[in-house]
Amino acid sequence: MYTTLIHRADLDDSARAALLALAPGELQASADGYVLRHARPLASQECEILRQQLVCDINTLPPGFDPEAVRLLITDMDSTLINIECVDEIADYLGVKAQVAAITESAMRGEIDFATSLTKRVSLLQGVKIADLQDVYDTRLKPNPGAEQLLAGLKTRGIRVALVSGGFTFFTERLKQRLGLDYAKANVLEVEGDMLTGRIIGTILDAQGKARYLEQLCQELGIAPAQAIAVGDGANDLLMMKPAGLSVAYHAKPAVRAQATTAINYGGLDSILFMLNYSRTYKSAIPGAFV
């Protein structure tokens, strides 16, 4: 039996009929949308058609995923937990934002190696003042929609939260304190005086590093990767997302959406709570929905 979540609470009769025509089963109303239990799997193309027709997120949960067993959520930072790509915004202070952003976009699509791309981008930041980084944090960086609601919901469930980023500790450590996160890991920018040197200290945290961090945290917590949720938006997140019990592509690049088990294209980060709590929030079965 498959479980598909429809992240919308106002489906009319025709929309419900369209769902049940593609996947006959039992459709139940929930506090956050609808839960469809069905015997035949929905093809990815069918799901995409429904998403576009209903203008909402629709996700079939992976077989074997147990929301009650989840103990860890690990998330990317830039354009996932927060609204910006920090390195691009820093570059704006030197007038090289367009150049850096083009490299960022190519790396996010998986067209160039992440470590190489980051080295190139950071080299262009030589001479940026620490005060400029603080200004980015204070004036440009905001949690993405639903982030704070998600974190509050995870806290009530006792689920730990880790922030892992190919970006910089300057931002991850501040976000850890501000949002009450349990763990944070990122790259360290080299600073001389009050300016960036254009270099990174130590080994670059890349896709492999993110995956290793997930494995490390699971070992520390005494849990299996199947008890973790991994959230990201770029190619650099795919290795981390692969072993997780649930992977969530958040407003992500096409390659990431294609490989993640679920995707949020319309809603906010709090949509993840529906994936965790759907079994606790049934309202009622839709009359005549069981086919």
C-alpha atoms as a PDB file:
ATOM      1  CA  MET A   1       0.000   0.000   0.000  1.00  0.00           C
ATOM      2  CA  TYR A   2       1.290   3.462  -0.941  1.00  0.00           C
ATOM      3  CA  THR A   3       0.719   6.752   0.874  1.00  0.00           C
ATOM      4  CA  THR A   4       0.499   9.962  -1.140  1.00  0.00           C
ATOM      5  CA  LEU A   5       0.160  13.370   0.491  1.00  0.00           C
ATOM      6  CA  ILE A   6      -1.643  16.250  -1.200  1.00  0.00           C
ATOM      7  CA  HIS A   7      -0.415  19.486   0.376  1.00  0.00           C
ATOM      8  CA  ARG A   8      -3.632  21.423  -0.062  1.00  0.00           C
ATOM      9  CA  ALA A   9      -6.710  21.555   2.140  1.00  0.00           C
ATOM     10  CA  ASP A  10      -9.332  22.856  -0.298  1.00  0.00           C
ATOM     11  CA  LEU A  11      -9.736  20.248  -3.041  1.00  0.00           C
ATOM     12  CA  ASP A  12     -13.122  20.352  -4.735  1.00  0.00           C
ATOM     13  CA  ASP A  13     -15.071  17.351  -5.991  1.00  0.00           C
ATOM     14  CA  SER A  14     -13.509  17.413  -9.463  1.00  0.00           C
ATOM     15  CA  ALA A  15      -9.978  17.550  -8.055  1.00  0.00           C
ATOM     16  CA  ARG A  16     -10.658  14.642  -5.729  1.00  0.00           C
ATOM     17  CA  ALA A  17     -12.155  12.697  -8.623  1.00  0.00           C
ATOM     18  CA  ALA A  18      -9.043  13.333 -10.728  1.00  0.00           C
ATOM     19  CA  LEU A  19      -6.847  11.997  -7.944  1.00  0.00           C
ATOM     20  CA  LEU A  20      -8.879   8.859  -7.485  1.00  0.00           C
ATOM     21  CA  ALA A  21      -9.037   8.231 -11.227  1.00  0.00           C
ATOM     22  CA  LEU A  22      -5.240   8.042 -11.354  1.00  0.00           C
ATOM     23  CA  ALA A  23      -4.804   6.196  -8.068  1.00  0.00           C
ATOM     24  CA  PRO A  24      -7.953   4.454  -6.826  1.00  0.00           C
ATOM     25  CA  GLY A  25      -7.893   4.142  -3.069  1.00  0.00           C
ATOM     26  CA  GLU A  26      -8.969   5.810   0.147  1.00  0.00           C
ATOM     27  CA  LEU A  27      -8.751   9.591   0.349  1.00  0.00           C
ATOM     28  CA  GLN A  28      -8.781  11.095   3.827  1.00  0.00           C
ATOM     29  CA  ALA A  29      -8.893  14.706   4.936  1.00  0.00           C
ATOM     30  CA  SER A  30      -6.115  15.851   7.232  1.00  0.00           C
ATOM     31  CA  ALA A  31      -5.392  19.068   9.080  1.00  0.00           C
ATOM     32  CA  ASP A  32      -2.720  19.892   6.486  1.00  0.00           C
ATOM     33  CA  GLY A  33      -4.189  18.467   3.292  1.00  0.00           C
ATOM     34  CA  TYR A  34      -5.258  15.052   2.080  1.00  0.00           C
ATOM     35  CA  VAL A  35      -3.850  11.571   2.541  1.00  0.00           C
ATOM     36  CA  LEU A  36      -4.386   9.082  -0.275  1.00  0.00           C
ATOM     37  CA  ARG A  37      -3.737   5.397   0.347  1.00  0.00           C
ATOM     38  CA  HIS A  38      -3.593   3.369  -2.837  1.00  0.00           C
ATOM     39  CA  ALA A  39      -2.413  -0.014  -4.089  1.00  0.00           C
ATOM     40  CA  ARG A  40      -0.983   1.043  -7.471  1.00  0.00           C
ATOM     41  CA  PRO A  41       2.069   3.335  -7.470  1.00  0.00           C
ATOM     42  CA  LEU A  42       1.715   6.737  -9.080  1.00  0.00           C
ATOM     43  CA  ALA A  43       4.163   7.282 -11.923  1.00  0.00           C
ATOM     44  CA  SER A  44       6.349  10.369 -11.551  1.00  0.00           C
ATOM     45  CA  GLN A  45       4.840  11.827 -14.717  1.00  0.00           C
ATOM     46  CA  GLU A  46       1.337  11.339 -13.312  1.00  0.00           C
ATOM     47  CA  CYS A  47       2.346  13.116 -10.106  1.00  0.00           C
ATOM     48  CA  GLU A  48       3.788  16.024 -12.053  1.00  0.00           C
ATOM     49  CA  ILE A  49       0.605  16.425 -14.091  1.00  0.00           C
ATOM     50  CA  LEU A  50      -1.451  16.495 -10.901  1.00  0.00           C
ATOM     51  CA  ARG A  51       0.888  19.022  -9.281  1.00  0.00           C
ATOM     52  CA  GLN A  52       0.477  21.374 -12.206  1.00  0.00           C
ATOM     53  CA  GLN A  53      -3.294  20.892 -12.370  1.00  0.00           C
ATOM     54  CA  LEU A  54      -3.872  21.389  -8.647  1.00  0.00           C
ATOM     55  CA  VAL A  55      -1.026  23.903  -8.127  1.00  0.00           C
ATOM     56  CA  CYS A  56       0.204  22.185  -4.995  1.00  0.00           C
ATOM     57  CA  ASP A  57       2.797  19.714  -3.802  1.00  0.00           C
ATOM     58  CA  ILE A  58       1.944  16.024  -4.128  1.00  0.00           C
ATOM     59  CA  ASN A  59       4.322  13.440  -2.719  1.00  0.00           C
ATOM     60  CA  THR A  60       4.253   9.680  -2.446  1.00  0.00           C
ATOM     61  CA  LEU A  61       6.210   8.682   0.630  1.00  0.00           C
ATOM     62  CA  PRO A  62       8.894   6.033   0.070  1.00  0.00           C
ATOM     63  CA  PRO A  63       7.835   2.500   1.032  1.00  0.00           C
ATOM     64  CA  GLY A  64       9.113   1.655   4.479  1.00  0.00           C
ATOM     65  CA  PHE A  65       9.416   5.254   5.640  1.00  0.00           C
ATOM     66  CA  ASP A  66       8.258   5.439   9.252  1.00  0.00           C
ATOM     67  CA  PRO A  67       7.612   9.027  10.388  1.00  0.00           C
ATOM     68  CA  GLU A  68       7.379   7.911  14.003  1.00  0.00           C
ATOM     69  CA  ALA A  69      10.973   6.631  13.866  1.00  0.00           C
ATOM     70  CA  VAL A  70      12.548   9.899  12.649  1.00  0.00           C
ATOM     71  CA  ARG A  71      15.153  11.286  15.048  1.00  0.00           C
ATOM     72  CA  LEU A  72      17.197  13.668  12.871  1.00  0.00           C
ATOM     73  CA  LEU A  73      16.629  16.284  10.187  1.00  0.00           C
ATOM     74  CA  ILE A  74      19.704  17.502   8.329  1.00  0.00           C
ATOM     75  CA  THR A  75      19.395  20.461   6.001  1.00  0.00           C
ATOM     76  CA  ASP A  76      21.424  22.517   3.582  1.00  0.00           C
ATOM     77  CA  MET A  77      21.627  26.255   4.305  1.00  0.00           C
ATOM     78  CA  ASP A  78      21.771  28.453   1.195  1.00  0.00           C
ATOM     79  CA  SER A  79      18.456  28.651  -0.695  1.00  0.00           C
ATOM     80  CA  THR A  80      17.135  25.868   1.539  1.00  0.00           C
ATOM     81  CA  LEU A  81      16.934  26.896   5.181  1.00  0.00           C
ATOM     82  CA  ILE A  82      17.575  30.520   4.191  1.00  0.00           C
ATOM     83  CA  ASN A  83      16.535  32.717   1.286  1.00  0.00           C
ATOM     84  CA  ILE A  84      19.915  33.597  -0.241  1.00  0.00           C
ATOM     85  CA  GLU A  85      23.177  32.191  -1.546  1.00  0.00           C
ATOM     86  CA  CYS A  86      25.520  33.856   0.941  1.00  0.00           C
ATOM     87  CA  VAL A  87      28.595  33.745  -1.282  1.00  0.00           C
ATOM     88  CA  ASP A  88      26.739  35.586  -4.051  1.00  0.00           C
ATOM     89  CA  GLU A  89      25.590  38.306  -1.665  1.00  0.00           C
ATOM     90  CA  ILE A  90      29.091  38.742  -0.233  1.00  0.00           C
ATOM     91  CA  ALA A  91      30.404  39.153  -3.781  1.00  0.00           C
ATOM     92  CA  ASP A  92      28.012  42.050  -4.275  1.00  0.00           C
ATOM     93  CA  TYR A  93      30.217  44.159  -1.982  1.00  0.00           C
ATOM     94  CA  LEU A  94      33.069  43.888  -4.504  1.00  0.00           C
ATOM     95  CA  GLY A  95      30.876  44.301  -7.563  1.00  0.00           C
ATOM     96  CA  VAL A  96      31.417  40.708  -8.734  1.00  0.00           C
ATOM     97  CA  LYS A  97      28.032  39.226  -7.800  1.00  0.00           C
ATOM     98  CA  ALA A  98      27.066  38.306 -11.366  1.00  0.00           C
ATOM     99  CA  GLN A  99      30.359  36.507 -11.950  1.00  0.00           C
ATOM    100  CA  VAL A 100      30.152  34.569  -8.674  1.00  0.00           C
ATOM    101  CA  ALA A 101      26.443  33.797  -9.088  1.00  0.00           C
ATOM    102  CA  ALA A 102      27.079  32.251 -12.508  1.00  0.00           C
ATOM    103  CA  ILE A 103      29.615  29.860 -10.963  1.00  0.00           C
ATOM    104  CA  THR A 104      27.194  29.085  -8.116  1.00  0.00           C
ATOM    105  CA  GLU A 105      24.386  28.255 -10.527  1.00  0.00           C
ATOM    106  CA  SER A 106      26.607  25.958 -12.572  1.00  0.00           C
ATOM    107  CA  ALA A 107      27.752  24.129  -9.441  1.00  0.00           C
ATOM    108  CA  MET A 108      24.177  23.759  -8.170  1.00  0.00           C
ATOM    109  CA  ARG A 109      23.210  22.104 -11.435  1.00  0.00           C
ATOM    110  CA  GLY A 110      26.142  19.723 -11.064  1.00  0.00           C
ATOM    111  CA  GLU A 111      27.929  21.015 -14.151  1.00  0.00           C
ATOM    112  CA  ILE A 112      31.223  21.693 -12.376  1.00  0.00           C
ATOM    113  CA  ASP A 113      32.916  20.165  -9.350  1.00  0.00           C
ATOM    114  CA  PHE A 114      31.786  21.850  -6.142  1.00  0.00           C
ATOM    115  CA  ALA A 115      35.236  22.178  -4.537  1.00  0.00           C
ATOM    116  CA  THR A 116      36.647  23.751  -7.691  1.00  0.00           C
ATOM    117  CA  SER A 117      33.718  26.121  -7.967  1.00  0.00           C
ATOM    118  CA  LEU A 118      33.941  27.176  -4.320  1.00  0.00           C
ATOM    119  CA  THR A 119      37.677  27.819  -4.566  1.00  0.00           C
ATOM    120  CA  LYS A 120      37.062  30.044  -7.590  1.00  0.00           C
ATOM    121  CA  ARG A 121      34.244  31.934  -5.920  1.00  0.00           C
ATOM    122  CA  VAL A 122      36.058  32.487  -2.627  1.00  0.00           C
ATOM    123  CA  SER A 123      39.158  33.734  -4.463  1.00  0.00           C
ATOM    124  CA  LEU A 124      36.989  36.513  -5.871  1.00  0.00           C
ATOM    125  CA  LEU A 125      36.058  37.582  -2.333  1.00  0.00           C
ATOM    126  CA  GLN A 126      39.564  38.704  -1.388  1.00  0.00           C
ATOM    127  CA  GLY A 127      39.353  42.059   0.354  1.00  0.00           C
ATOM    128  CA  VAL A 128      35.769  41.767   1.590  1.00  0.00           C
ATOM    129  CA  LYS A 129      35.485  43.140   5.125  1.00  0.00           C
ATOM    130  CA  ILE A 130      34.076  41.100   8.001  1.00  0.00           C
ATOM    131  CA  ALA A 131      31.674  43.991   8.558  1.00  0.00           C
ATOM    132  CA  ASP A 132      30.265  43.280   5.095  1.00  0.00           C
ATOM    133  CA  LEU A 133      29.566  39.651   6.038  1.00  0.00           C
ATOM    134  CA  GLN A 134      27.756  40.890   9.128  1.00  0.00           C
ATOM    135  CA  ASP A 135      25.748  43.252   6.944  1.00  0.00           C
ATOM    136  CA  VAL A 136      24.729  40.339   4.705  1.00  0.00           C
ATOM    137  CA  TYR A 137      23.596  38.438   7.784  1.00  0.00           C
ATOM    138  CA  ASP A 138      21.732  41.391   9.286  1.00  0.00           C
ATOM    139  CA  THR A 139      20.054  42.832   6.192  1.00  0.00           C
ATOM    140  CA  ARG A 140      19.777  40.149   3.509  1.00  0.00           C
ATOM    141  CA  LEU A 141      19.607  36.751   5.180  1.00  0.00           C
ATOM    142  CA  LYS A 142      16.174  35.495   6.248  1.00  0.00           C
ATOM    143  CA  PRO A 143      14.848  32.027   7.062  1.00  0.00           C
ATOM    144  CA  ASN A 144      12.823  30.647   4.183  1.00  0.00           C
ATOM    145  CA  PRO A 145       9.016  30.515   4.574  1.00  0.00           C
ATOM    146  CA  GLY A 146       7.952  27.882   7.071  1.00  0.00           C
ATOM    147  CA  ALA A 147      11.442  27.373   8.509  1.00  0.00           C
ATOM    148  CA  GLU A 148      10.655  28.515  12.019  1.00  0.00           C
ATOM    149  CA  GLN A 149       7.362  26.592  12.087  1.00  0.00           C
ATOM    150  CA  LEU A 150       9.220  23.477  10.951  1.00  0.00           C
ATOM    151  CA  LEU A 151      11.843  23.836  13.660  1.00  0.00           C
ATOM    152  CA  ALA A 152       9.198  24.362  16.340  1.00  0.00           C
ATOM    153  CA  GLY A 153       7.355  21.255  15.168  1.00  0.00           C
ATOM    154  CA  LEU A 154      10.525  19.175  15.153  1.00  0.00           C
ATOM    155  CA  LYS A 155      11.300  20.305  18.686  1.00  0.00           C
ATOM    156  CA  THR A 156       7.935  19.061  19.944  1.00  0.00           C
ATOM    157  CA  ARG A 157       8.752  15.664  18.453  1.00  0.00           C
ATOM    158  CA  GLY A 158      12.245  15.555  19.973  1.00  0.00           C
ATOM    159  CA  ILE A 159      13.867  15.463  16.531  1.00  0.00           C
ATOM    160  CA  ARG A 160      17.422  16.849  16.355  1.00  0.00           C
ATOM    161  CA  VAL A 161      18.291  19.370  13.637  1.00  0.00           C
ATOM    162  CA  ALA A 162      21.630  19.678  11.850  1.00  0.00           C
ATOM    163  CA  LEU A 163      22.661  22.459   9.483  1.00  0.00           C
ATOM    164  CA  VAL A 164      25.348  21.429   7.000  1.00  0.00           C
ATOM    165  CA  SER A 165      26.596  23.771   4.320  1.00  0.00           C
ATOM    166  CA  GLY A 166      29.153  24.152   1.599  1.00  0.00           C
ATOM    167  CA  GLY A 167      28.985  27.791   2.674  1.00  0.00           C
ATOM    168  CA  PHE A 168      30.617  29.370   5.657  1.00  0.00           C
ATOM    169  CA  THR A 169      30.727  29.002   9.429  1.00  0.00           C
ATOM    170  CA  PHE A 170      30.284  32.767   9.774  1.00  0.00           C
ATOM    171  CA  PHE A 171      26.631  32.201   8.879  1.00  0.00           C
ATOM    172  CA  THR A 172      25.969  28.657  10.104  1.00  0.00           C
ATOM    173  CA  GLU A 173      27.135  29.381  13.652  1.00  0.00           C
ATOM    174  CA  ARG A 174      24.983  32.494  13.878  1.00  0.00           C
ATOM    175  CA  LEU A 175      21.973  30.598  12.558  1.00  0.00           C
ATOM    176  CA  LYS A 176      22.604  27.755  14.980  1.00  0.00           C
ATOM    177  CA  GLN A 177      22.382  30.170  17.895  1.00  0.00           C
ATOM    178  CA  ARG A 178      19.500  32.187  16.480  1.00  0.00           C
ATOM    179  CA  LEU A 179      17.293  29.222  15.576  1.00  0.00           C
ATOM    180  CA  GLY A 180      18.307  26.852  18.356  1.00  0.00           C
ATOM    181  CA  LEU A 181      19.771  24.186  16.075  1.00  0.00           C
ATOM    182  CA  ASP A 182      21.557  21.181  17.537  1.00  0.00           C
ATOM    183  CA  TYR A 183      24.458  20.899  15.091  1.00  0.00           C
ATOM    184  CA  ALA A 184      26.153  22.976  12.394  1.00  0.00           C
ATOM    185  CA  LYS A 185      29.051  22.349  10.023  1.00  0.00           C
ATOM    186  CA  ALA A 186      30.456  24.421   7.153  1.00  0.00           C
ATOM    187  CA  ASN A 187      33.630  25.812   5.580  1.00  0.00           C
ATOM    188  CA  VAL A 188      35.919  28.259   7.387  1.00  0.00           C
ATOM    189  CA  LEU A 189      36.921  31.458   5.616  1.00  0.00           C
ATOM    190  CA  GLU A 190      40.476  32.654   6.188  1.00  0.00           C
ATOM    191  CA  VAL A 191      40.657  36.154   7.645  1.00  0.00           C
ATOM    192  CA  GLU A 192      43.608  38.515   8.034  1.00  0.00           C
ATOM    193  CA  GLY A 193      42.953  41.653  10.011  1.00  0.00           C
ATOM    194  CA  ASP A 194      39.361  42.481   9.192  1.00  0.00           C
ATOM    195  CA  MET A 195      39.336  41.176   5.612  1.00  0.00           C
ATOM    196  CA  LEU A 196      38.904  37.901   3.752  1.00  0.00           C
ATOM    197  CA  THR A 197      42.049  36.548   2.112  1.00  0.00           C
ATOM    198  CA  GLY A 198      40.157  34.728  -0.628  1.00  0.00           C
ATOM    199  CA  ARG A 199      41.067  31.319   0.806  1.00  0.00           C
ATOM    200  CA  ILE A 200      39.374  28.583   2.841  1.00  0.00           C
ATOM    201  CA  ILE A 201      41.008  27.015   5.891  1.00  0.00           C
ATOM    202  CA  GLY A 202      41.225  23.226   5.844  1.00  0.00           C
ATOM    203  CA  THR A 203      39.429  20.657   3.715  1.00  0.00           C
ATOM    204  CA  ILE A 204      36.472  21.925   1.726  1.00  0.00           C
ATOM    205  CA  LEU A 205      33.123  20.583   2.901  1.00  0.00           C
ATOM    206  CA  ASP A 206      31.662  19.226  -0.329  1.00  0.00           C
ATOM    207  CA  ALA A 207      29.012  16.652  -1.247  1.00  0.00           C
ATOM    208  CA  GLN A 208      31.053  13.781   0.197  1.00  0.00           C
ATOM    209  CA  GLY A 209      31.627  15.796   3.363  1.00  0.00           C
ATOM    210  CA  LYS A 210      27.910  16.378   3.785  1.00  0.00           C
ATOM    211  CA  ALA A 211      27.209  12.661   3.400  1.00  0.00           C
ATOM    212  CA  ARG A 212      29.925  11.821   5.932  1.00  0.00           C
ATOM    213  CA  TYR A 213      28.457  14.314   8.382  1.00  0.00           C
ATOM    214  CA  LEU A 214      25.057  12.622   8.151  1.00  0.00           C
ATOM    215  CA  GLU A 215      26.708   9.268   8.788  1.00  0.00           C
ATOM    216  CA  GLN A 216      28.669  10.701  11.732  1.00  0.00           C
ATOM    217  CA  LEU A 217      25.572  12.181  13.364  1.00  0.00           C
ATOM    218  CA  CYS A 218      23.622   8.960  12.916  1.00  0.00           C
ATOM    219  CA  GLN A 219      26.414   7.052  14.639  1.00  0.00           C
ATOM    220  CA  GLU A 220      26.540   9.564  17.494  1.00  0.00           C
ATOM    221  CA  LEU A 221      22.774   9.365  17.978  1.00  0.00           C
ATOM    222  CA  GLY A 222      22.686   5.586  17.633  1.00  0.00           C
ATOM    223  CA  ILE A 223      20.214   5.665  14.758  1.00  0.00           C
ATOM    224  CA  ALA A 224      20.087   4.366  11.204  1.00  0.00           C
ATOM    225  CA  PRO A 225      20.142   6.783   8.233  1.00  0.00           C
ATOM    226  CA  ALA A 226      16.586   5.588   7.554  1.00  0.00           C
ATOM    227  CA  GLN A 227      15.615   7.539  10.679  1.00  0.00           C
ATOM    228  CA  ALA A 228      16.855  10.804   9.165  1.00  0.00           C
ATOM    229  CA  ILE A 229      15.316  13.351   6.818  1.00  0.00           C
ATOM    230  CA  ALA A 230      17.697  15.196   4.464  1.00  0.00           C
ATOM    231  CA  VAL A 231      16.691  18.478   2.823  1.00  0.00           C
ATOM    232  CA  GLY A 232      18.482  20.275   0.006  1.00  0.00           C
ATOM    233  CA  ASP A 233      18.200  22.080  -3.297  1.00  0.00           C
ATOM    234  CA  GLY A 234      21.406  21.487  -5.268  1.00  0.00           C
ATOM    235  CA  ALA A 235      23.603  18.761  -6.717  1.00  0.00           C
ATOM    236  CA  ASN A 236      25.919  19.156  -3.726  1.00  0.00           C
ATOM    237  CA  ASP A 237      23.154  17.719  -1.512  1.00  0.00           C
ATOM    238  CA  LEU A 238      22.447  14.511  -3.418  1.00  0.00           C
ATOM    239  CA  LEU A 239      24.981  12.239  -1.697  1.00  0.00           C
ATOM    240  CA  MET A 240      23.651  13.336   1.687  1.00  0.00           C
ATOM    241  CA  MET A 241      20.075  12.771   0.594  1.00  0.00           C
ATOM    242  CA  LYS A 242      20.583   9.297  -0.838  1.00  0.00           C
ATOM    243  CA  PRO A 243      20.853   7.231   2.401  1.00  0.00           C
ATOM    244  CA  ALA A 244      18.210   9.194   4.328  1.00  0.00           C
ATOM    245  CA  GLY A 245      14.854   7.619   5.059  1.00  0.00           C
ATOM    246  CA  LEU A 246      13.202  10.636   3.431  1.00  0.00           C
ATOM    247  CA  SER A 247      14.868  13.129   1.104  1.00  0.00           C
ATOM    248  CA  VAL A 248      13.200  16.451   0.368  1.00  0.00           C
ATOM    249  CA  ALA A 249      14.074  18.606  -2.642  1.00  0.00           C
ATOM    250  CA  TYR A 250      13.164  22.142  -1.596  1.00  0.00           C
ATOM    251  CA  HIS A 251      12.443  24.460  -4.559  1.00  0.00           C
ATOM    252  CA  ALA A 252      15.328  22.562  -6.081  1.00  0.00           C
ATOM    253  CA  LYS A 253      17.166  22.135  -9.347  1.00  0.00           C
ATOM    254  CA  PRO A 254      15.598  19.592 -11.764  1.00  0.00           C
ATOM    255  CA  ALA A 255      18.329  16.997 -11.177  1.00  0.00           C
ATOM    256  CA  VAL A 256      17.678  17.118  -7.445  1.00  0.00           C
ATOM    257  CA  ARG A 257      13.895  16.892  -7.816  1.00  0.00           C
ATOM    258  CA  ALA A 258      14.366  13.858 -10.052  1.00  0.00           C
ATOM    259  CA  GLN A 259      16.433  11.976  -7.466  1.00  0.00           C
ATOM    260  CA  ALA A 260      14.830  13.021  -4.174  1.00  0.00           C
ATOM    261  CA  THR A 261      12.023  10.892  -2.765  1.00  0.00           C
ATOM    262  CA  THR A 262       9.826  13.974  -2.232  1.00  0.00           C
ATOM    263  CA  ALA A 263       9.767  17.573  -3.435  1.00  0.00           C
ATOM    264  CA  ILE A 264       8.423  20.887  -2.187  1.00  0.00           C
ATOM    265  CA  ASN A 265       7.891  23.159  -5.175  1.00  0.00           C
ATOM    266  CA  TYR A 266       4.962  25.285  -4.001  1.00  0.00           C
ATOM    267  CA  GLY A 267       4.893  25.275  -0.205  1.00  0.00           C
ATOM    268  CA  GLY A 268       7.215  26.296   2.588  1.00  0.00           C
ATOM    269  CA  LEU A 269       9.543  24.226   4.726  1.00  0.00           C
ATOM    270  CA  ASP A 270       6.736  23.556   7.188  1.00  0.00           C
ATOM    271  CA  SER A 271       5.289  21.225   4.525  1.00  0.00           C
ATOM    272  CA  ILE A 272       7.751  18.678   5.912  1.00  0.00           C
ATOM    273  CA  LEU A 273       5.658  18.533   9.082  1.00  0.00           C
ATOM    274  CA  PHE A 274       2.787  17.067   7.053  1.00  0.00           C
ATOM    275  CA  MET A 275       5.109  14.252   5.982  1.00  0.00           C
ATOM    276  CA  LEU A 276       5.918  13.614   9.637  1.00  0.00           C
ATOM    277  CA  ASN A 277       2.500  14.090  11.202  1.00  0.00           C
ATOM    278  CA  TYR A 278       0.012  12.950   8.552  1.00  0.00           C
ATOM    279  CA  SER A 279      -0.908   9.792  10.462  1.00  0.00           C
ATOM    280  CA  ARG A 280      -1.722  11.884  13.547  1.00  0.00           C
ATOM    281  CA  THR A 281      -3.936  14.461  11.879  1.00  0.00           C
ATOM    282  CA  TYR A 282      -6.698  12.579  10.064  1.00  0.00           C
ATOM    283  CA  LYS A 283     -10.015  14.369  10.201  1.00  0.00           C
ATOM    284  CA  SER A 284     -12.272  11.995   8.309  1.00  0.00           C
ATOM    285  CA  ALA A 285     -12.552   9.822   5.259  1.00  0.00           C
ATOM    286  CA  ILE A 286     -14.037  11.492   2.199  1.00  0.00           C
ATOM    287  CA  PRO A 287     -17.487   9.988   1.566  1.00  0.00           C
ATOM    288  CA  GLY A 288     -17.379   7.613  -1.350  1.00  0.00           C
ATOM    289  CA  ALA A 289     -13.622   7.949  -1.673  1.00  0.00           C
ATOM    290  CA  PHE A 290     -12.781   4.288  -1.319  1.00  0.00           C
ATOM    291  CA  VAL A 291     -12.749   2.777  -4.798  1.00  0.00           C
END
